[in-house]
């Protein structure tokens, strides 16, 4: 994470890291923002939706939300059982579930994006994102 943020922010990254508290689980961050202990917190999309007292709101940065790509890998010669699991994870049903709860952006093109991603025009802060999207749109 430090390398990733450093590559995005350059010299400003060290000052940012001096002010960051890395403690607990994502739900702990959400609770501490909700209780007013922290002014801001960075959590994944599903945790941004949870606020017991409704004291937490999602703030999608103008520059875009941080992109944290996930990939599915499998070994050469994977067993049939493992391939069935991979195929299920890429299926419309599984991809719809992960999109609905906001865990990830679906890779299945028939599955809608999480509502917050759509509402913010899929704005992600990722070096090369514009190049990537323009390439995808030409396929």
N, C-alpha and C. Protein backbone atom coordinates (compact mmCIF):
# COMPACT_ATOMS: atom_id res chain seq x y z
N UNK A 1 0.83 -1.18 0.00
CA UNK A 1 0.00 0.00 0.00
C UNK A 1 0.88 1.26 0.00
N UNK A 2 1.92 1.26 0.81
CA UNK A 2 2.79 2.43 0.90
C UNK A 2 3.43 2.72 -0.47
N UNK A 3 3.87 1.68 -1.16
CA UNK A 3 4.47 1.86 -2.48
C UNK A 3 3.46 2.43 -3.46
N UNK A 4 2.24 1.88 -3.43
CA UNK A 4 1.18 2.31 -4.34
C UNK A 4 0.86 3.79 -4.12
N UNK A 5 0.62 4.18 -2.86
CA UNK A 5 0.31 5.58 -2.55
C UNK A 5 1.50 6.47 -2.89
N UNK A 6 2.71 6.01 -2.59
CA UNK A 6 3.91 6.78 -2.91
C UNK A 6 4.04 7.03 -4.40
N UNK A 7 3.70 6.02 -5.21
CA UNK A 7 3.79 6.19 -6.66
C UNK A 7 2.76 7.18 -7.17
N UNK A 8 1.65 7.33 -6.45
CA UNK A 8 0.61 8.27 -6.86
C UNK A 8 0.87 9.70 -6.38
N UNK A 9 1.39 9.82 -5.15
CA UNK A 9 1.49 11.14 -4.53
C UNK A 9 2.90 11.71 -4.46
N UNK A 10 3.91 10.89 -4.75
CA UNK A 10 5.30 11.37 -4.71
C UNK A 10 5.72 11.84 -3.33
N UNK A 11 6.30 13.04 -3.25
CA UNK A 11 6.82 13.58 -1.99
C UNK A 11 5.74 13.81 -0.94
N UNK A 12 4.51 14.00 -1.35
CA UNK A 12 3.41 14.26 -0.41
C UNK A 12 3.03 13.01 0.38
N UNK A 13 3.42 11.85 -0.11
CA UNK A 13 3.02 10.59 0.51
C UNK A 13 3.52 10.46 1.94
N UNK A 14 4.76 10.85 2.22
CA UNK A 14 5.32 10.69 3.57
C UNK A 14 4.52 11.49 4.60
N UNK A 15 4.15 12.71 4.24
CA UNK A 15 3.34 13.53 5.16
C UNK A 15 1.99 12.88 5.41
N UNK A 16 1.41 12.32 4.37
CA UNK A 16 0.14 11.61 4.53
C UNK A 16 0.30 10.44 5.48
N UNK A 17 1.35 9.63 5.30
CA UNK A 17 1.53 8.45 6.15
C UNK A 17 1.76 8.81 7.61
N UNK A 18 2.32 9.98 7.88
CA UNK A 18 2.51 10.42 9.27
C UNK A 18 1.19 10.66 9.98
N UNK A 19 0.14 10.96 9.24
CA UNK A 19 -1.15 11.27 9.84
C UNK A 19 -2.13 10.09 9.82
N UNK A 20 -1.71 8.95 9.32
CA UNK A 20 -2.60 7.80 9.18
C UNK A 20 -2.51 6.89 10.40
N UNK A 21 -3.67 6.43 10.87
CA UNK A 21 -3.74 5.42 11.93
C UNK A 21 -4.11 4.10 11.26
N UNK A 22 -3.23 3.12 11.34
CA UNK A 22 -3.50 1.80 10.80
C UNK A 22 -3.78 0.87 11.97
N UNK A 23 -5.07 0.74 12.31
CA UNK A 23 -5.42 -0.02 13.50
C UNK A 23 -6.80 -0.64 13.33
N UNK A 24 -6.91 -1.91 13.57
CA UNK A 24 -8.22 -2.55 13.54
C UNK A 24 -8.66 -2.98 12.16
N UNK A 25 -9.92 -3.36 12.12
CA UNK A 25 -10.56 -3.85 10.90
C UNK A 25 -11.32 -2.72 10.22
N UNK A 26 -11.71 -2.89 8.96
CA UNK A 26 -12.48 -1.82 8.28
C UNK A 26 -13.72 -1.39 9.06
N UNK A 27 -14.42 -2.34 9.67
CA UNK A 27 -15.62 -1.96 10.43
C UNK A 27 -15.26 -1.10 11.63
N UNK A 28 -14.04 -1.28 12.20
CA UNK A 28 -13.59 -0.43 13.31
C UNK A 28 -13.40 1.01 12.83
N UNK A 29 -12.88 1.18 11.62
CA UNK A 29 -12.70 2.51 11.05
C UNK A 29 -14.07 3.16 10.90
N UNK A 30 -15.01 2.42 10.34
CA UNK A 30 -16.36 2.93 10.15
C UNK A 30 -16.98 3.35 11.48
N UNK A 31 -16.84 2.51 12.51
CA UNK A 31 -17.41 2.82 13.83
C UNK A 31 -16.76 4.07 14.42
N UNK A 32 -15.43 4.21 14.27
CA UNK A 32 -14.74 5.37 14.85
C UNK A 32 -15.10 6.67 14.14
N UNK A 33 -15.35 6.61 12.83
CA UNK A 33 -15.83 7.81 12.13
C UNK A 33 -17.25 8.10 12.58
N UNK A 34 -18.09 7.07 12.66
CA UNK A 34 -19.47 7.22 13.10
C UNK A 34 -19.56 7.84 14.49
N UNK A 35 -18.64 7.44 15.39
CA UNK A 35 -18.64 7.94 16.77
C UNK A 35 -17.92 9.28 16.91
N UNK A 36 -17.30 9.78 15.83
CA UNK A 36 -16.62 11.06 15.89
C UNK A 36 -15.18 11.00 16.38
N UNK A 37 -14.63 9.80 16.55
CA UNK A 37 -13.24 9.64 17.00
C UNK A 37 -12.30 10.06 15.87
N UNK A 38 -12.60 9.63 14.64
CA UNK A 38 -11.84 10.05 13.46
C UNK A 38 -12.73 10.97 12.63
N UNK A 39 -12.11 11.96 11.99
CA UNK A 39 -12.86 12.82 11.08
C UNK A 39 -13.14 12.11 9.76
N UNK A 40 -12.17 11.33 9.29
CA UNK A 40 -12.33 10.60 8.04
C UNK A 40 -11.73 9.21 8.18
N UNK A 41 -12.14 8.32 7.32
CA UNK A 41 -11.59 6.98 7.25
C UNK A 41 -11.64 6.49 5.82
N UNK A 42 -10.76 5.59 5.49
CA UNK A 42 -10.76 4.99 4.15
C UNK A 42 -11.10 3.52 4.32
N UNK A 43 -12.22 3.12 3.73
CA UNK A 43 -12.69 1.75 3.81
C UNK A 43 -13.18 1.32 2.43
N UNK A 44 -13.40 0.03 2.28
CA UNK A 44 -13.95 -0.47 1.01
C UNK A 44 -15.43 -0.08 0.92
N UNK A 45 -15.95 -0.12 -0.28
CA UNK A 45 -17.31 0.33 -0.56
C UNK A 45 -18.37 -0.30 0.35
N UNK A 46 -18.36 -1.62 0.60
CA UNK A 46 -19.40 -2.18 1.47
C UNK A 46 -19.41 -1.55 2.87
N UNK A 47 -18.23 -1.25 3.41
CA UNK A 47 -18.17 -0.66 4.75
C UNK A 47 -18.61 0.80 4.72
N UNK A 48 -18.51 1.46 3.59
CA UNK A 48 -18.95 2.85 3.50
C UNK A 48 -20.47 2.95 3.57
N UNK A 49 -21.13 1.85 3.33
CA UNK A 49 -22.61 1.83 3.34
C UNK A 49 -23.18 1.63 4.74
N UNK A 50 -22.37 1.24 5.70
CA UNK A 50 -22.86 0.87 7.02
C UNK A 50 -22.59 1.98 8.03
N UNK A 51 -23.66 2.50 8.62
CA UNK A 51 -23.52 3.49 9.68
C UNK A 51 -24.69 3.32 10.64
N UNK A 52 -24.41 2.82 11.82
CA UNK A 52 -25.46 2.54 12.80
C UNK A 52 -26.29 3.79 13.11
N UNK A 53 -25.62 4.93 13.31
CA UNK A 53 -26.31 6.16 13.69
C UNK A 53 -26.47 7.14 12.54
N UNK A 54 -26.15 6.70 11.33
CA UNK A 54 -26.24 7.55 10.13
C UNK A 54 -25.35 8.78 10.22
N UNK A 55 -24.21 8.66 10.88
CA UNK A 55 -23.26 9.76 11.00
C UNK A 55 -22.13 9.67 9.98
N UNK A 56 -22.23 8.74 9.05
CA UNK A 56 -21.17 8.51 8.07
C UNK A 56 -21.76 8.69 6.67
N UNK A 57 -21.06 9.42 5.82
CA UNK A 57 -21.49 9.56 4.44
C UNK A 57 -20.32 9.19 3.52
N UNK A 58 -20.65 8.72 2.35
CA UNK A 58 -19.65 8.37 1.35
C UNK A 58 -19.17 9.65 0.67
N UNK A 59 -17.88 9.82 0.60
CA UNK A 59 -17.28 10.96 -0.09
C UNK A 59 -16.42 10.40 -1.22
N UNK A 60 -16.95 10.48 -2.44
CA UNK A 60 -16.20 9.98 -3.60
C UNK A 60 -15.32 11.13 -4.09
N UNK A 61 -14.01 11.03 -4.00
CA UNK A 61 -13.13 12.14 -4.39
C UNK A 61 -13.30 12.52 -5.86
N UNK A 62 -13.23 13.83 -6.13
CA UNK A 62 -13.29 14.31 -7.51
C UNK A 62 -12.23 13.65 -8.37
N UNK A 63 -11.04 13.42 -7.78
CA UNK A 63 -9.93 12.81 -8.53
C UNK A 63 -10.20 11.35 -8.83
N UNK A 64 -11.17 10.76 -8.14
CA UNK A 64 -11.51 9.35 -8.32
C UNK A 64 -11.17 8.55 -7.08
N UNK A 65 -11.85 7.44 -6.90
CA UNK A 65 -11.60 6.53 -5.79
C UNK A 65 -10.38 5.68 -6.12
N UNK A 66 -9.64 5.26 -5.10
CA UNK A 66 -8.50 4.39 -5.33
C UNK A 66 -8.96 3.07 -5.93
N UNK A 67 -8.26 2.61 -6.94
CA UNK A 67 -8.55 1.33 -7.57
C UNK A 67 -7.65 0.27 -6.93
N UNK A 68 -8.25 -0.80 -6.48
CA UNK A 68 -7.49 -1.92 -5.91
C UNK A 68 -7.84 -3.18 -6.71
N UNK A 69 -7.20 -3.37 -7.86
CA UNK A 69 -7.55 -4.49 -8.73
C UNK A 69 -7.38 -5.86 -8.05
N UNK A 70 -8.30 -6.73 -8.34
CA UNK A 70 -8.26 -8.12 -7.90
C UNK A 70 -8.28 -8.99 -9.16
N UNK A 71 -7.55 -10.07 -9.15
CA UNK A 71 -7.58 -10.99 -10.28
C UNK A 71 -7.81 -12.40 -9.78
N UNK A 72 -8.40 -13.22 -10.61
CA UNK A 72 -8.58 -14.63 -10.31
C UNK A 72 -7.47 -15.38 -11.04
N UNK A 73 -6.71 -16.16 -10.31
CA UNK A 73 -5.64 -16.95 -10.94
C UNK A 73 -5.90 -18.42 -10.67
N UNK A 74 -5.42 -19.22 -11.56
CA UNK A 74 -5.49 -20.67 -11.37
C UNK A 74 -4.26 -21.29 -12.00
N UNK A 75 -3.86 -22.42 -11.45
CA UNK A 75 -2.66 -23.06 -11.98
C UNK A 75 -2.96 -23.79 -13.27
N UNK A 76 -1.93 -23.97 -14.08
CA UNK A 76 -2.07 -24.79 -15.28
C UNK A 76 -2.45 -26.19 -14.85
N UNK A 77 -3.42 -26.78 -15.53
CA UNK A 77 -3.84 -28.13 -15.20
C UNK A 77 -4.69 -28.19 -13.94
N UNK A 78 -5.37 -27.10 -13.60
CA UNK A 78 -6.23 -27.10 -12.41
C UNK A 78 -7.29 -28.19 -12.52
N UNK A 79 -7.71 -28.70 -11.39
CA UNK A 79 -8.71 -29.78 -11.37
C UNK A 79 -10.06 -29.26 -11.88
N UNK A 80 -10.90 -30.18 -12.28
CA UNK A 80 -12.25 -29.83 -12.76
C UNK A 80 -13.03 -29.12 -11.66
N UNK A 81 -12.86 -29.55 -10.41
CA UNK A 81 -13.57 -28.91 -9.30
C UNK A 81 -13.14 -27.45 -9.17
N UNK A 82 -11.84 -27.19 -9.27
CA UNK A 82 -11.33 -25.82 -9.16
C UNK A 82 -11.83 -24.98 -10.32
N UNK A 83 -11.86 -25.53 -11.52
CA UNK A 83 -12.36 -24.81 -12.68
C UNK A 83 -13.85 -24.48 -12.54
N UNK A 84 -14.61 -25.38 -11.93
CA UNK A 84 -16.03 -25.10 -11.68
C UNK A 84 -16.18 -23.91 -10.73
N UNK A 85 -15.33 -23.86 -9.71
CA UNK A 85 -15.37 -22.73 -8.78
C UNK A 85 -15.02 -21.44 -9.52
N UNK A 86 -13.96 -21.47 -10.33
CA UNK A 86 -13.58 -20.28 -11.12
C UNK A 86 -14.72 -19.84 -12.02
N UNK A 87 -15.30 -20.79 -12.72
CA UNK A 87 -16.41 -20.46 -13.62
C UNK A 87 -17.59 -19.88 -12.86
N UNK A 88 -17.87 -20.43 -11.67
CA UNK A 88 -18.98 -19.88 -10.87
C UNK A 88 -18.68 -18.45 -10.44
N UNK A 89 -17.45 -18.18 -10.00
CA UNK A 89 -17.09 -16.83 -9.55
C UNK A 89 -17.23 -15.80 -10.67
N UNK A 90 -17.09 -16.25 -11.91
CA UNK A 90 -17.23 -15.36 -13.07
C UNK A 90 -18.64 -15.36 -13.65
N UNK A 91 -19.51 -16.18 -13.08
CA UNK A 91 -20.88 -16.30 -13.60
C UNK A 91 -21.70 -15.05 -13.30
N UNK A 92 -22.80 -14.91 -14.01
CA UNK A 92 -23.68 -13.76 -13.80
C UNK A 92 -24.19 -13.69 -12.37
N UNK A 93 -24.60 -14.83 -11.80
CA UNK A 93 -25.13 -14.84 -10.43
C UNK A 93 -24.10 -14.36 -9.41
N UNK A 94 -22.88 -14.92 -9.46
CA UNK A 94 -21.85 -14.55 -8.50
C UNK A 94 -21.41 -13.10 -8.71
N UNK A 95 -21.25 -12.69 -9.96
CA UNK A 95 -20.83 -11.32 -10.25
C UNK A 95 -21.90 -10.32 -9.83
N UNK A 96 -23.18 -10.67 -9.99
CA UNK A 96 -24.26 -9.79 -9.54
C UNK A 96 -24.20 -9.63 -8.03
N UNK A 97 -23.94 -10.71 -7.32
CA UNK A 97 -23.85 -10.63 -5.86
C UNK A 97 -22.72 -9.70 -5.43
N UNK A 98 -21.53 -9.87 -6.00
CA UNK A 98 -20.41 -9.02 -5.57
C UNK A 98 -20.63 -7.56 -5.96
N UNK A 99 -21.36 -7.34 -7.04
CA UNK A 99 -21.66 -5.97 -7.44
C UNK A 99 -22.73 -5.36 -6.53
N UNK A 100 -23.76 -6.14 -6.22
CA UNK A 100 -24.86 -5.65 -5.37
C UNK A 100 -24.36 -5.24 -3.99
N UNK A 101 -23.47 -6.02 -3.41
CA UNK A 101 -22.96 -5.67 -2.07
C UNK A 101 -21.81 -4.69 -2.14
N UNK A 102 -21.32 -4.41 -3.35
CA UNK A 102 -20.27 -3.41 -3.52
C UNK A 102 -18.88 -3.92 -3.22
N UNK A 103 -18.69 -5.24 -3.21
CA UNK A 103 -17.39 -5.79 -2.89
C UNK A 103 -16.38 -5.51 -4.00
N UNK A 104 -16.81 -5.66 -5.25
CA UNK A 104 -15.91 -5.47 -6.38
C UNK A 104 -16.70 -4.97 -7.58
N UNK A 105 -15.97 -4.43 -8.53
CA UNK A 105 -16.57 -4.08 -9.81
C UNK A 105 -16.63 -5.38 -10.62
N UNK A 106 -17.81 -5.74 -11.12
CA UNK A 106 -17.93 -7.00 -11.84
C UNK A 106 -17.14 -7.00 -13.15
N UNK A 107 -16.67 -8.17 -13.53
CA UNK A 107 -15.99 -8.32 -14.81
C UNK A 107 -16.93 -8.86 -15.88
N UNK A 108 -18.06 -9.40 -15.46
CA UNK A 108 -19.06 -9.91 -16.39
C UNK A 108 -19.80 -8.71 -16.99
N UNK A 109 -19.73 -8.51 -18.32
CA UNK A 109 -20.29 -7.30 -18.94
C UNK A 109 -21.80 -7.16 -18.82
N UNK A 110 -22.55 -8.22 -18.52
CA UNK A 110 -24.00 -8.09 -18.40
C UNK A 110 -24.43 -7.69 -16.99
N UNK A 111 -23.50 -7.63 -16.05
CA UNK A 111 -23.82 -7.30 -14.66
C UNK A 111 -23.61 -5.80 -14.44
N UNK A 112 -24.63 -5.13 -13.90
CA UNK A 112 -24.49 -3.69 -13.63
C UNK A 112 -23.43 -3.41 -12.56
N UNK A 113 -22.83 -2.22 -12.64
CA UNK A 113 -21.85 -1.79 -11.65
C UNK A 113 -22.54 -1.48 -10.33
N UNK A 114 -21.78 -1.50 -9.22
CA UNK A 114 -22.36 -1.03 -7.96
C UNK A 114 -22.88 0.40 -8.14
N UNK A 115 -23.99 0.74 -7.48
CA UNK A 115 -24.65 2.03 -7.73
C UNK A 115 -23.72 3.22 -7.49
N UNK A 116 -22.86 3.15 -6.46
CA UNK A 116 -21.96 4.26 -6.18
C UNK A 116 -20.94 4.45 -7.29
N UNK A 117 -20.53 3.37 -7.90
CA UNK A 117 -19.57 3.45 -9.00
C UNK A 117 -20.23 4.10 -10.21
N UNK A 118 -21.47 3.70 -10.50
CA UNK A 118 -22.20 4.31 -11.61
C UNK A 118 -22.50 5.78 -11.34
N UNK A 119 -22.94 6.10 -10.10
CA UNK A 119 -23.28 7.48 -9.75
C UNK A 119 -22.07 8.41 -9.90
N UNK A 120 -20.87 7.86 -9.77
CA UNK A 120 -19.65 8.66 -9.86
C UNK A 120 -18.90 8.42 -11.16
N UNK A 121 -19.65 7.99 -12.18
CA UNK A 121 -19.13 7.83 -13.54
C UNK A 121 -17.87 6.96 -13.60
N UNK A 122 -17.81 5.97 -12.72
CA UNK A 122 -16.69 5.03 -12.68
C UNK A 122 -15.36 5.78 -12.58
N UNK A 123 -15.36 6.87 -11.85
CA UNK A 123 -14.17 7.69 -11.68
C UNK A 123 -13.21 7.03 -10.69
N UNK A 124 -12.08 6.56 -11.21
CA UNK A 124 -11.08 5.90 -10.38
C UNK A 124 -9.75 6.63 -10.49
N UNK A 125 -9.04 6.69 -9.37
CA UNK A 125 -7.72 7.31 -9.34
C UNK A 125 -6.69 6.21 -9.57
N UNK A 126 -6.26 6.11 -10.81
CA UNK A 126 -5.39 5.01 -11.20
C UNK A 126 -4.55 5.49 -12.37
N UNK A 127 -3.26 5.55 -12.18
CA UNK A 127 -2.39 5.97 -13.29
C UNK A 127 -2.63 5.05 -14.48
N UNK A 128 -2.89 5.66 -15.61
CA UNK A 128 -3.15 4.87 -16.81
C UNK A 128 -4.60 4.49 -17.01
N UNK A 129 -5.49 4.91 -16.09
CA UNK A 129 -6.90 4.51 -16.19
C UNK A 129 -7.53 5.01 -17.49
N UNK A 130 -7.29 6.28 -17.85
CA UNK A 130 -7.88 6.81 -19.08
C UNK A 130 -7.41 6.02 -20.30
N UNK A 131 -6.12 5.66 -20.32
CA UNK A 131 -5.59 4.85 -21.41
C UNK A 131 -6.27 3.48 -21.43
N UNK A 132 -6.44 2.88 -20.25
CA UNK A 132 -7.06 1.56 -20.14
C UNK A 132 -8.48 1.60 -20.65
N UNK A 133 -9.27 2.58 -20.19
CA UNK A 133 -10.67 2.69 -20.61
C UNK A 133 -10.77 2.95 -22.11
N UNK A 134 -9.90 3.81 -22.65
CA UNK A 134 -9.98 4.07 -24.09
C UNK A 134 -9.67 2.80 -24.88
N UNK A 135 -8.76 1.98 -24.37
CA UNK A 135 -8.45 0.71 -25.03
C UNK A 135 -9.61 -0.27 -24.96
N UNK A 136 -10.26 -0.33 -23.80
CA UNK A 136 -11.41 -1.23 -23.64
C UNK A 136 -12.53 -0.79 -24.57
N UNK A 137 -12.73 0.50 -24.68
CA UNK A 137 -13.83 1.01 -25.51
C UNK A 137 -13.60 0.81 -27.00
N UNK A 138 -12.38 0.48 -27.41
CA UNK A 138 -12.12 0.24 -28.82
C UNK A 138 -12.25 -1.22 -29.20
N UNK A 139 -12.40 -2.09 -28.20
CA UNK A 139 -12.50 -3.53 -28.47
C UNK A 139 -13.87 -3.87 -28.99
